[in-house]
Amino acid sequence: MKVVALVSGGKDSCYAMMKCVRYGHEIVALANLMPADDLVDELDSYMYQTVGHQIIVGYAECMGLPLFRRRIQGSARQAMF
């Protein structure tokens, strides 16, 4: 199966790509969600890890794959507390 890998720059997303390839899938592109502000390393997000997002460009270059990126903000839409 052809897949797009959602990568954070952390070890877990890298490991997931390795397992994906091992099980016969083909990674055709990388996707990444990064902070809206280039000076911010990590967002206070329940959903996404952003530490390491600077290295994602290197992942794509080394793998020879296109990279799709979008900027996100680290604020909750609705707080339950």
PDB file of N, CA and C in Angstrom:
ATOM      1  N   MET A   1       0.845  -1.165   0.000  1.00  0.00           N
ATOM      2  CA  MET A   1       0.000   0.000   0.000  1.00  0.00           C
ATOM      3  C   MET A   1       0.898   1.238   0.000  1.00  0.00           C
ATOM      4  N   LYS A   2       0.542   2.235  -0.767  1.00  0.00           N
ATOM      5  CA  LYS A   2       1.257   3.508  -0.765  1.00  0.00           C
ATOM      6  C   LYS A   2       0.709   4.366   0.370  1.00  0.00           C
ATOM      7  N   VAL A   3       1.632   4.950   1.153  1.00  0.00           N
ATOM      8  CA  VAL A   3       1.219   5.729   2.317  1.00  0.00           C
ATOM      9  C   VAL A   3       1.981   7.047   2.395  1.00  0.00           C
ATOM     10  N   VAL A   4       1.368   8.004   3.068  1.00  0.00           N
ATOM     11  CA  VAL A   4       2.028   9.253   3.441  1.00  0.00           C
ATOM     12  C   VAL A   4       2.315   9.140   4.932  1.00  0.00           C
ATOM     13  N   ALA A   5       3.568   9.334   5.310  1.00  0.00           N
ATOM     14  CA  ALA A   5       3.960   9.209   6.714  1.00  0.00           C
ATOM     15  C   ALA A   5       3.831  10.557   7.410  1.00  0.00           C
ATOM     16  N   LEU A   6       3.039  10.598   8.479  1.00  0.00           N
ATOM     17  CA  LEU A   6       2.929  11.794   9.312  1.00  0.00           C
ATOM     18  C   LEU A   6       4.068  11.728  10.323  1.00  0.00           C
ATOM     19  N   VAL A   7       5.049  12.611  10.167  1.00  0.00           N
ATOM     20  CA  VAL A   7       6.254  12.556  10.993  1.00  0.00           C
ATOM     21  C   VAL A   7       6.397  13.805  11.847  1.00  0.00           C
ATOM     22  N   SER A   8       6.910  13.589  13.060  1.00  0.00           N
ATOM     23  CA  SER A   8       7.096  14.702  13.994  1.00  0.00           C
ATOM     24  C   SER A   8       8.559  15.101  14.123  1.00  0.00           C
ATOM     25  N   GLY A   9       9.448  14.192  13.756  1.00  0.00           N
ATOM     26  CA  GLY A   9      10.868  14.410  13.994  1.00  0.00           C
ATOM     27  C   GLY A   9      11.352  13.616  15.188  1.00  0.00           C
ATOM     28  N   GLY A  10      10.434  12.982  15.877  1.00  0.00           N
ATOM     29  CA  GLY A  10      10.772  12.166  17.037  1.00  0.00           C
ATOM     30  C   GLY A  10      11.043  10.718  16.661  1.00  0.00           C
ATOM     31  N   LYS A  11      11.527   9.967  17.641  1.00  0.00           N
ATOM     32  CA  LYS A  11      11.900   8.577  17.401  1.00  0.00           C
ATOM     33  C   LYS A  11      10.704   7.693  17.058  1.00  0.00           C
ATOM     34  N   ASP A  12       9.547   7.981  17.625  1.00  0.00           N
ATOM     35  CA  ASP A  12       8.384   7.126  17.394  1.00  0.00           C
ATOM     36  C   ASP A  12       7.900   7.188  15.950  1.00  0.00           C
ATOM     37  N   SER A  13       7.867   8.376  15.365  1.00  0.00           N
ATOM     38  CA  SER A  13       7.412   8.467  13.977  1.00  0.00           C
ATOM     39  C   SER A  13       8.445   7.862  13.031  1.00  0.00           C
ATOM     40  N   CYS A  14       9.718   7.968  13.375  1.00  0.00           N
ATOM     41  CA  CYS A  14      10.772   7.338  12.572  1.00  0.00           C
ATOM     42  C   CYS A  14      10.638   5.809  12.648  1.00  0.00           C
ATOM     43  N   TYR A  15      10.407   5.306  13.841  1.00  0.00           N
ATOM     44  CA  TYR A  15      10.218   3.867  14.035  1.00  0.00           C
ATOM     45  C   TYR A  15       8.983   3.373  13.275  1.00  0.00           C
ATOM     46  N   ALA A  16       7.925   4.144  13.305  1.00  0.00           N
ATOM     47  CA  ALA A  16       6.703   3.763  12.590  1.00  0.00           C
ATOM     48  C   ALA A  16       6.962   3.658  11.085  1.00  0.00           C
ATOM     49  N   MET A  17       7.782   4.567  10.554  1.00  0.00           N
ATOM     50  CA  MET A  17       8.128   4.476   9.126  1.00  0.00           C
ATOM     51  C   MET A  17       8.919   3.201   8.842  1.00  0.00           C
ATOM     52  N   MET A  18       9.841   2.851   9.723  1.00  0.00           N
ATOM     53  CA  MET A  18      10.630   1.628   9.538  1.00  0.00           C
ATOM     54  C   MET A  18       9.731   0.394   9.538  1.00  0.00           C
ATOM     55  N   LYS A  19       8.780   0.347  10.464  1.00  0.00           N
ATOM     56  CA  LYS A  19       7.851  -0.787  10.527  1.00  0.00           C
ATOM     57  C   LYS A  19       6.958  -0.833   9.292  1.00  0.00           C
ATOM     58  N   CYS A  20       6.547   0.319   8.843  1.00  0.00           N
ATOM     59  CA  CYS A  20       5.697   0.415   7.660  1.00  0.00           C
ATOM     60  C   CYS A  20       6.393  -0.220   6.449  1.00  0.00           C
ATOM     61  N   VAL A  21       7.649   0.152   6.246  1.00  0.00           N
ATOM     62  CA  VAL A  21       8.425  -0.393   5.126  1.00  0.00           C
ATOM     63  C   VAL A  21       8.653  -1.892   5.326  1.00  0.00           C
ATOM     64  N   ARG A  22       8.953  -2.295   6.542  1.00  0.00           N
ATOM     65  CA  ARG A  22       9.193  -3.715   6.829  1.00  0.00           C
ATOM     66  C   ARG A  22       7.984  -4.578   6.469  1.00  0.00           C
ATOM     67  N   TYR A  23       6.793  -4.041   6.661  1.00  0.00           N
ATOM     68  CA  TYR A  23       5.576  -4.796   6.357  1.00  0.00           C
ATOM     69  C   TYR A  23       5.108  -4.617   4.919  1.00  0.00           C
ATOM     70  N   GLY A  24       5.991  -4.068   4.075  1.00  0.00           N
ATOM     71  CA  GLY A  24       5.726  -4.048   2.643  1.00  0.00           C
ATOM     72  C   GLY A  24       5.039  -2.816   2.095  1.00  0.00           C
ATOM     73  N   HIS A  25       4.838  -1.801   2.913  1.00  0.00           N
ATOM     74  CA  HIS A  25       4.203  -0.581   2.429  1.00  0.00           C
ATOM     75  C   HIS A  25       5.247   0.343   1.810  1.00  0.00           C
ATOM     76  N   GLU A  26       4.805   1.198   0.919  1.00  0.00           N
ATOM     77  CA  GLU A  26       5.695   2.148   0.251  1.00  0.00           C
ATOM     78  C   GLU A  26       5.366   3.565   0.715  1.00  0.00           C
ATOM     79  N   ILE A  27       6.320   4.221   1.335  1.00  0.00           N
ATOM     80  CA  ILE A  27       6.136   5.612   1.749  1.00  0.00           C
ATOM     81  C   ILE A  27       6.380   6.488   0.529  1.00  0.00           C
ATOM     82  N   VAL A  28       5.363   7.257   0.145  1.00  0.00           N
ATOM     83  CA  VAL A  28       5.472   8.076  -1.071  1.00  0.00           C
ATOM     84  C   VAL A  28       5.661   9.559  -0.766  1.00  0.00           C
ATOM     85  N   ALA A  29       5.436   9.959   0.480  1.00  0.00           N
ATOM     86  CA  ALA A  29       5.611  11.361   0.874  1.00  0.00           C
ATOM     87  C   ALA A  29       5.625  11.442   2.394  1.00  0.00           C
ATOM     88  N   LEU A  30       6.147  12.555   2.885  1.00  0.00           N
ATOM     89  CA  LEU A  30       6.121  12.837   4.317  1.00  0.00           C
ATOM     90  C   LEU A  30       5.210  14.027   4.567  1.00  0.00           C
ATOM     91  N   ALA A  31       4.551  14.032   5.718  1.00  0.00           N
ATOM     92  CA  ALA A  31       3.705  15.154   6.128  1.00  0.00           C
ATOM     93  C   ALA A  31       4.114  15.553   7.542  1.00  0.00           C
ATOM     94  N   ASN A  32       4.021  16.847   7.816  1.00  0.00           N
ATOM     95  CA  ASN A  32       4.435  17.350   9.123  1.00  0.00           C
ATOM     96  C   ASN A  32       3.606  18.566   9.492  1.00  0.00           C
ATOM     97  N   LEU A  33       3.226  18.637  10.756  1.00  0.00           N
ATOM     98  CA  LEU A  33       2.533  19.796  11.308  1.00  0.00           C
ATOM     99  C   LEU A  33       3.518  20.515  12.208  1.00  0.00           C
ATOM    100  N   MET A  34       3.763  21.796  11.928  1.00  0.00           N
ATOM    101  CA  MET A  34       4.799  22.532  12.653  1.00  0.00           C
ATOM    102  C   MET A  34       4.233  23.800  13.259  1.00  0.00           C
ATOM    103  N   PRO A  35       4.928  24.351  14.257  1.00  0.00           N
ATOM    104  CA  PRO A  35       4.442  25.574  14.907  1.00  0.00           C
ATOM    105  C   PRO A  35       4.325  26.737  13.926  1.00  0.00           C
ATOM    106  N   ALA A  36       3.344  27.584  14.160  1.00  0.00           N
ATOM    107  CA  ALA A  36       3.149  28.762  13.313  1.00  0.00           C
ATOM    108  C   ALA A  36       4.318  29.729  13.431  1.00  0.00           C
ATOM    109  N   ASP A  37       4.956  29.758  14.586  1.00  0.00           N
ATOM    110  CA  ASP A  37       6.090  30.654  14.844  1.00  0.00           C
ATOM    111  C   ASP A  37       7.390  29.861  14.727  1.00  0.00           C
ATOM    112  N   ASP A  38       8.282  30.272  13.827  1.00  0.00           N
ATOM    113  CA  ASP A  38       9.547  29.568  13.623  1.00  0.00           C
ATOM    114  C   ASP A  38      10.449  29.573  14.855  1.00  0.00           C
ATOM    115  N   LEU A  39      10.228  30.493  15.780  1.00  0.00           N
ATOM    116  CA  LEU A  39      11.064  30.576  16.977  1.00  0.00           C
ATOM    117  C   LEU A  39      10.616  29.618  18.081  1.00  0.00           C
ATOM    118  N   VAL A  40       9.483  28.965  17.893  1.00  0.00           N
ATOM    119  CA  VAL A  40       8.925  28.048  18.894  1.00  0.00           C
ATOM    120  C   VAL A  40       9.334  26.616  18.556  1.00  0.00           C
ATOM    121  N   ASP A  41       9.875  25.904  19.545  1.00  0.00           N
ATOM    122  CA  ASP A  41      10.248  24.507  19.330  1.00  0.00           C
ATOM    123  C   ASP A  41       9.098  23.553  19.615  1.00  0.00           C
ATOM    124  N   GLU A  42       8.346  23.833  20.684  1.00  0.00           N
ATOM    125  CA  GLU A  42       7.293  22.907  21.083  1.00  0.00           C
ATOM    126  C   GLU A  42       6.010  23.655  21.405  1.00  0.00           C
ATOM    127  N   LEU A  43       4.909  23.106  20.901  1.00  0.00           N
ATOM    128  CA  LEU A  43       3.589  23.641  21.223  1.00  0.00           C
ATOM    129  C   LEU A  43       3.022  22.881  22.415  1.00  0.00           C
ATOM    130  N   ASP A  44       2.151  23.514  23.149  1.00  0.00           N
ATOM    131  CA  ASP A  44       1.429  22.852  24.225  1.00  0.00           C
ATOM    132  C   ASP A  44       0.217  22.179  23.591  1.00  0.00           C
ATOM    133  N   SER A  45       0.461  21.022  22.973  1.00  0.00           N
ATOM    134  CA  SER A  45      -0.575  20.350  22.201  1.00  0.00           C
ATOM    135  C   SER A  45      -0.797  18.937  22.726  1.00  0.00           C
ATOM    136  N   TYR A  46      -2.065  18.556  22.856  1.00  0.00           N
ATOM    137  CA  TYR A  46      -2.406  17.194  23.247  1.00  0.00           C
ATOM    138  C   TYR A  46      -2.277  16.232  22.069  1.00  0.00           C
ATOM    139  N   MET A  47      -2.286  16.769  20.863  1.00  0.00           N
ATOM    140  CA  MET A  47      -2.346  15.939  19.664  1.00  0.00           C
ATOM    141  C   MET A  47      -1.017  15.754  18.940  1.00  0.00           C
ATOM    142  N   TYR A  48      -0.170  16.770  18.938  1.00  0.00           N
ATOM    143  CA  TYR A  48       1.003  16.738  18.070  1.00  0.00           C
ATOM    144  C   TYR A  48       2.277  17.085  18.812  1.00  0.00           C
ATOM    145  N   GLN A  49       3.327  16.312  18.534  1.00  0.00           N
ATOM    146  CA  GLN A  49       4.660  16.642  19.033  1.00  0.00           C
ATOM    147  C   GLN A  49       5.320  17.536  17.993  1.00  0.00           C
ATOM    148  N   THR A  50       5.888  18.634  18.428  1.00  0.00           N
ATOM    149  CA  THR A  50       6.546  19.529  17.474  1.00  0.00           C
ATOM    150  C   THR A  50       8.039  19.669  17.728  1.00  0.00           C
ATOM    151  N   VAL A  51       8.536  19.164  18.865  1.00  0.00           N
ATOM    152  CA  VAL A  51       9.980  19.187  19.105  1.00  0.00           C
ATOM    153  C   VAL A  51      10.635  18.339  18.018  1.00  0.00           C
ATOM    154  N   GLY A  52      11.654  18.865  17.384  1.00  0.00           N
ATOM    155  CA  GLY A  52      12.328  18.131  16.316  1.00  0.00           C
ATOM    156  C   GLY A  52      11.801  18.436  14.931  1.00  0.00           C
ATOM    157  N   HIS A  53      10.840  19.362  14.834  1.00  0.00           N
ATOM    158  CA  HIS A  53      10.254  19.625  13.515  1.00  0.00           C
ATOM    159  C   HIS A  53      11.266  20.202  12.525  1.00  0.00           C
ATOM    160  N   GLN A  54      12.377  20.764  13.022  1.00  0.00           N
ATOM    161  CA  GLN A  54      13.377  21.354  12.133  1.00  0.00           C
ATOM    162  C   GLN A  54      14.097  20.287  11.298  1.00  0.00           C
ATOM    163  N   ILE A  55      14.172  19.072  11.784  1.00  0.00           N
ATOM    164  CA  ILE A  55      14.918  18.012  11.100  1.00  0.00           C
ATOM    165  C   ILE A  55      14.119  17.345   9.984  1.00  0.00           C
ATOM    166  N   ILE A  56      12.822  17.604   9.915  1.00  0.00           N
ATOM    167  CA  ILE A  56      11.963  16.925   8.947  1.00  0.00           C
ATOM    168  C   ILE A  56      12.407  17.169   7.508  1.00  0.00           C
ATOM    169  N   VAL A  57      12.878  18.351   7.203  1.00  0.00           N
ATOM    170  CA  VAL A  57      13.364  18.647   5.846  1.00  0.00           C
ATOM    171  C   VAL A  57      14.498  17.683   5.492  1.00  0.00           C
ATOM    172  N   GLY A  58      15.376  17.420   6.445  1.00  0.00           N
ATOM    173  CA  GLY A  58      16.467  16.469   6.230  1.00  0.00           C
ATOM    174  C   GLY A  58      15.966  15.053   5.995  1.00  0.00           C
ATOM    175  N   TYR A  59      14.934  14.638   6.723  1.00  0.00           N
ATOM    176  CA  TYR A  59      14.332  13.318   6.491  1.00  0.00           C
ATOM    177  C   TYR A  59      13.890  13.193   5.039  1.00  0.00           C
ATOM    178  N   ALA A  60      13.147  14.182   4.572  1.00  0.00           N
ATOM    179  CA  ALA A  60      12.608  14.139   3.211  1.00  0.00           C
ATOM    180  C   ALA A  60      13.731  14.114   2.175  1.00  0.00           C
ATOM    181  N   GLU A  61      14.750  14.939   2.387  1.00  0.00           N
ATOM    182  CA  GLU A  61      15.876  14.970   1.448  1.00  0.00           C
ATOM    183  C   GLU A  61      16.599  13.627   1.418  1.00  0.00           C
ATOM    184  N   CYS A  62      16.876  13.059   2.574  1.00  0.00           N
ATOM    185  CA  CYS A  62      17.576  11.773   2.643  1.00  0.00           C
ATOM    186  C   CYS A  62      16.772  10.638   2.010  1.00  0.00           C
ATOM    187  N   MET A  63      15.457  10.705   2.146  1.00  0.00           N
ATOM    188  CA  MET A  63      14.596   9.653   1.610  1.00  0.00           C
ATOM    189  C   MET A  63      14.193   9.911   0.165  1.00  0.00           C
ATOM    190  N   GLY A  64      14.494  11.109  -0.342  1.00  0.00           N
ATOM    191  CA  GLY A  64      14.115  11.452  -1.715  1.00  0.00           C
ATOM    192  C   GLY A  64      12.610  11.543  -1.898  1.00  0.00           C
ATOM    193  N   LEU A  65      11.914  12.054  -0.879  1.00  0.00           N
ATOM    194  CA  LEU A  65      10.450  12.120  -0.901  1.00  0.00           C
ATOM    195  C   LEU A  65       9.970  13.558  -0.793  1.00  0.00           C
ATOM    196  N   PRO A  66       8.788  13.839  -1.353  1.00  0.00           N
ATOM    197  CA  PRO A  66       8.207  15.172  -1.158  1.00  0.00           C
ATOM    198  C   PRO A  66       7.754  15.345   0.289  1.00  0.00           C
ATOM    199  N   LEU A  67       7.763  16.590   0.732  1.00  0.00           N
ATOM    200  CA  LEU A  67       7.358  16.927   2.099  1.00  0.00           C
ATOM    201  C   LEU A  67       6.216  17.924   2.053  1.00  0.00           C
ATOM    202  N   PHE A  68       5.136  17.594   2.737  1.00  0.00           N
ATOM    203  CA  PHE A  68       3.976  18.479   2.845  1.00  0.00           C
ATOM    204  C   PHE A  68       3.903  18.958   4.288  1.00  0.00           C
ATOM    205  N   ARG A  69       3.895  20.280   4.480  1.00  0.00           N
ATOM    206  CA  ARG A  69       3.890  20.852   5.831  1.00  0.00           C
ATOM    207  C   ARG A  69       2.768  21.869   5.976  1.00  0.00           C
ATOM    208  N   ARG A  70       2.229  21.922   7.174  1.00  0.00           N
ATOM    209  CA  ARG A  70       1.239  22.938   7.521  1.00  0.00           C
ATOM    210  C   ARG A  70       1.589  23.478   8.891  1.00  0.00           C
ATOM    211  N   ARG A  71       1.308  24.744   9.087  1.00  0.00           N
ATOM    212  CA  ARG A  71       1.550  25.391  10.381  1.00  0.00           C
ATOM    213  C   ARG A  71       0.306  25.251  11.254  1.00  0.00           C
ATOM    214  N   ILE A  72       0.540  24.987  12.525  1.00  0.00           N
ATOM    215  CA  ILE A  72      -0.570  24.853  13.470  1.00  0.00           C
ATOM    216  C   ILE A  72      -0.297  25.727  14.686  1.00  0.00           C
ATOM    217  N   GLN A  73      -1.356  26.019  15.422  1.00  0.00           N
ATOM    218  CA  GLN A  73      -1.255  26.788  16.659  1.00  0.00           C
ATOM    219  C   GLN A  73      -1.561  25.859  17.819  1.00  0.00           C
ATOM    220  N   GLY A  74      -0.927  26.099  18.951  1.00  0.00           N
ATOM    221  CA  GLY A  74      -1.056  25.200  20.093  1.00  0.00           C
ATOM    222  C   GLY A  74      -2.127  25.570  21.084  1.00  0.00           C
ATOM    223  N   SER A  75      -3.254  26.048  20.617  1.00  0.00           N
ATOM    224  CA  SER A  75      -4.314  26.396  21.558  1.00  0.00           C
ATOM    225  C   SER A  75      -5.511  25.464  21.375  1.00  0.00           C
ATOM    226  N   ALA A  76      -6.147  25.143  22.483  1.00  0.00           N
ATOM    227  CA  ALA A  76      -7.322  24.277  22.441  1.00  0.00           C
ATOM    228  C   ALA A  76      -8.519  25.053  21.914  1.00  0.00           C
ATOM    229  N   ARG A  77      -9.395  24.367  21.216  1.00  0.00           N
ATOM    230  CA  ARG A  77     -10.608  25.010  20.714  1.00  0.00           C
ATOM    231  C   ARG A  77     -11.617  25.200  21.831  1.00  0.00           C
ATOM    232  N   GLN A  78     -11.644  24.235  22.756  1.00  0.00           N
ATOM    233  CA  GLN A  78     -12.591  24.321  23.861  1.00  0.00           C
ATOM    234  C   GLN A  78     -11.957  23.654  25.082  1.00  0.00           C
ATOM    235  N   ALA A  79     -11.812  24.373  26.140  1.00  0.00           N
ATOM    236  CA  ALA A  79     -11.237  23.815  27.367  1.00  0.00           C
ATOM    237  C   ALA A  79     -12.350  23.219  28.223  1.00  0.00           C
ATOM    238  N   MET A  80     -12.116  22.030  28.744  1.00  0.00           N
ATOM    239  CA  MET A  80     -13.114  21.344  29.558  1.00  0.00           C
ATOM    240  C   MET A  80     -12.842  21.522  31.048  1.00  0.00           C
ATOM    241  N   PHE A  81     -11.810  22.245  31.416  1.00  0.00           N
ATOM    242  CA  PHE A  81     -11.427  22.363  32.825  1.00  0.00           C
ATOM    243  C   PHE A  81     -11.724  23.730  33.360  1.00  0.00           C
TER     244      PHE A  81
END
